[in-house]
Amino acid sequence: MVANLYPPCPQPELAMGLAAHTDHGLLTLLIQNDTVGLQVLHKDKWVNIHPIPNSFLVNIGDHIEILSNGKYKSVLHRAVVNDRDVRISIALAHGPAADVAVNPAPMLLEDGQNPLAYPAIKYKEYVELQQSSKLDGKSYLEHIRNRGI
């Protein structure tokens, strides 16, 4: 679980709440107050996600992308600040056990039409690699896609 507090910023155009990234797990549940600040990259443009009161937002994480061999994409997102309102978010990440190796589901590869896009990787190893890498606006999956680690 990660809790984030984004206070009003006098110069929001000069600051970033949280750099662009994807989440490492299977799914992330996000609870947030009613302040806009979450953005997702859609068709090469950052789009504001307007919070729905009393709801969870669910992000697909990197390990769903690995498991689906790329059929379902993890969501590149970021948090921005504003000069008026406090934004609060709590993210609850869900993933497999640390020692479980995640790889594309064999049934998605059987027909030969879908080549293996990701190598098998233990969840703990992936998280350690992702957390030790600089947030560069890309998913860590791009570092391992179609090649070994």
Protein backbone atom coordinates (compact mmCIF):
# COMPACT_ATOMS: atom_id res chain seq x y z
CA MET A 1 0.00 0.00 0.00
CA VAL A 2 1.23 3.47 -0.89
CA ALA A 3 -0.36 6.68 0.39
CA ASN A 4 0.31 9.94 -1.46
CA LEU A 5 -0.36 13.52 -0.41
CA TYR A 6 -0.06 16.24 -3.04
CA PRO A 7 -0.44 19.70 -1.44
CA PRO A 8 -1.25 22.77 -3.55
CA CYS A 9 1.82 23.92 -5.48
CA PRO A 10 2.31 27.61 -6.32
CA GLN A 11 3.92 26.73 -9.67
CA PRO A 12 2.41 23.42 -10.81
CA GLU A 13 3.85 23.80 -14.30
CA LEU A 14 7.32 23.39 -12.73
CA ALA A 15 6.55 20.34 -10.59
CA MET A 16 5.42 16.76 -11.01
CA GLY A 17 3.48 14.82 -8.39
CA LEU A 18 4.71 11.41 -9.53
CA ALA A 19 6.62 10.65 -12.74
CA ALA A 20 5.12 8.48 -15.47
CA HIS A 21 5.24 4.77 -14.66
CA THR A 22 3.35 1.51 -14.78
CA ASP A 23 2.53 -0.65 -11.77
CA HIS A 24 4.40 -3.92 -11.27
CA GLY A 25 1.59 -6.13 -10.00
CA LEU A 26 -1.43 -7.78 -11.52
CA LEU A 27 -3.88 -5.06 -10.52
CA THR A 28 -3.72 -1.85 -8.50
CA LEU A 29 -6.75 -0.50 -6.68
CA LEU A 30 -6.63 3.27 -6.28
CA ILE A 31 -8.68 5.24 -3.77
CA GLN A 32 -8.52 9.00 -4.25
CA ASN A 33 -10.27 12.14 -3.12
CA ASP A 34 -12.29 14.24 -5.56
CA THR A 35 -9.29 16.23 -6.85
CA VAL A 36 -8.11 15.65 -10.42
CA GLY A 37 -4.44 14.73 -10.67
CA LEU A 38 -4.19 11.24 -12.12
CA GLN A 39 -3.40 11.18 -15.82
CA VAL A 40 -3.06 8.27 -18.25
CA LEU A 41 -1.25 8.25 -21.57
CA HIS A 42 -3.80 7.67 -24.34
CA LYS A 43 -2.85 7.99 -28.03
CA ASP A 44 0.34 9.86 -27.06
CA LYS A 45 -1.57 12.47 -25.03
CA TRP A 46 -1.92 12.81 -21.26
CA VAL A 47 -5.58 12.61 -20.29
CA ASN A 48 -7.02 13.62 -16.91
CA ILE A 49 -8.94 10.91 -15.08
CA HIS A 50 -11.81 12.52 -13.20
CA PRO A 51 -12.41 10.70 -9.91
CA ILE A 52 -15.80 9.10 -9.35
CA PRO A 53 -16.85 9.67 -5.72
CA ASN A 54 -16.89 6.62 -3.44
CA SER A 55 -15.22 4.35 -5.98
CA PHE A 56 -12.00 2.46 -6.68
CA LEU A 57 -10.05 2.94 -9.87
CA VAL A 58 -8.45 -0.30 -11.11
CA ASN A 59 -5.19 -0.24 -13.08
CA ILE A 60 -3.93 -3.22 -15.03
CA GLY A 61 -0.33 -3.87 -13.99
CA ASP A 62 2.76 -5.23 -15.73
CA HIS A 63 2.15 -8.81 -14.66
CA ILE A 64 -1.27 -8.94 -16.34
CA GLU A 65 0.53 -7.80 -19.50
CA ILE A 66 3.12 -10.56 -19.07
CA LEU A 67 0.48 -13.18 -18.27
CA SER A 68 -1.62 -12.16 -21.30
CA ASN A 69 1.50 -12.04 -23.54
CA GLY A 70 0.76 -8.39 -24.27
CA LYS A 71 -2.96 -8.73 -25.04
CA TYR A 72 -3.83 -6.56 -22.03
CA LYS A 73 -1.51 -3.59 -21.58
CA SER A 74 -0.39 -2.13 -18.28
CA VAL A 75 -1.40 1.49 -17.94
CA LEU A 76 1.24 4.23 -18.17
CA HIS A 77 0.16 6.91 -15.73
CA ARG A 78 1.41 9.84 -13.67
CA ALA A 79 0.21 12.27 -11.03
CA VAL A 80 0.23 16.02 -11.51
CA VAL A 81 -0.18 18.79 -8.96
CA ASN A 82 -2.29 21.93 -9.00
CA ASP A 83 -2.20 25.32 -7.31
CA ARG A 84 -5.56 25.08 -5.49
CA ASP A 85 -6.44 21.75 -3.95
CA VAL A 86 -4.87 18.97 -1.91
CA ARG A 87 -4.95 15.60 -3.65
CA ILE A 88 -4.80 12.36 -1.70
CA SER A 89 -4.50 8.87 -3.14
CA ILE A 90 -3.97 5.41 -1.69
CA ALA A 91 -2.78 2.65 -4.01
CA LEU A 92 -3.21 -1.02 -3.11
CA ALA A 93 -1.06 -3.23 -5.34
CA HIS A 94 -1.98 -6.86 -5.89
CA GLY A 95 0.44 -9.39 -7.31
CA PRO A 96 1.46 -13.02 -7.06
CA ALA A 97 3.62 -14.49 -4.31
CA ALA A 98 7.18 -13.17 -4.42
CA ASP A 99 8.76 -16.49 -5.47
CA VAL A 100 6.27 -17.24 -8.27
CA ALA A 101 7.59 -17.02 -11.82
CA VAL A 102 5.13 -15.25 -14.08
CA ASN A 103 5.16 -15.99 -17.79
CA PRO A 104 2.71 -15.76 -20.68
CA ALA A 105 -0.15 -18.24 -20.36
CA PRO A 106 0.71 -21.28 -22.55
CA MET A 107 -2.79 -21.32 -24.11
CA LEU A 108 -2.07 -17.91 -25.65
CA LEU A 109 0.99 -19.29 -27.45
CA GLU A 110 -0.30 -22.68 -28.64
CA ASP A 111 -1.50 -21.73 -32.11
CA GLY A 112 1.89 -20.33 -33.12
CA GLN A 113 0.28 -17.03 -34.13
CA ASN A 114 1.46 -15.28 -30.99
CA PRO A 115 5.20 -15.43 -30.42
CA LEU A 116 6.47 -15.30 -26.84
CA ALA A 117 6.72 -11.61 -25.96
CA TYR A 118 8.07 -11.87 -22.40
CA PRO A 119 10.44 -14.20 -20.58
CA ALA A 120 9.35 -15.90 -17.36
CA ILE A 121 10.43 -13.85 -14.36
CA LYS A 122 9.95 -14.22 -10.64
CA TYR A 123 7.69 -11.54 -9.26
CA LYS A 124 10.23 -10.54 -6.58
CA GLU A 125 13.00 -10.22 -9.19
CA TYR A 126 10.82 -8.07 -11.44
CA VAL A 127 9.83 -5.76 -8.57
CA GLU A 128 13.47 -5.39 -7.50
CA LEU A 129 14.55 -4.56 -11.07
CA GLN A 130 11.69 -2.11 -11.55
CA GLN A 131 12.24 -0.37 -8.21
CA SER A 132 15.98 -0.03 -8.84
CA SER A 133 15.39 1.63 -12.24
CA LYS A 134 14.79 5.31 -12.85
CA LEU A 135 11.21 6.24 -13.68
CA ASP A 136 11.76 7.28 -17.27
CA GLY A 137 8.21 7.50 -18.52
CA LYS A 138 8.25 3.92 -19.72
CA SER A 139 7.09 0.63 -18.39
CA TYR A 140 9.89 -1.61 -17.16
CA LEU A 141 8.36 -4.20 -19.50
CA GLU A 142 9.99 -2.37 -22.41
CA HIS A 143 13.37 -3.39 -20.97
CA ILE A 144 12.55 -7.10 -21.02
CA ARG A 145 10.10 -7.42 -23.96
CA ASN A 146 11.19 -9.88 -26.64
CA ARG A 147 14.51 -10.51 -24.96
CA GLY A 148 15.86 -11.89 -21.77
CA ILE A 149 16.46 -9.75 -18.73
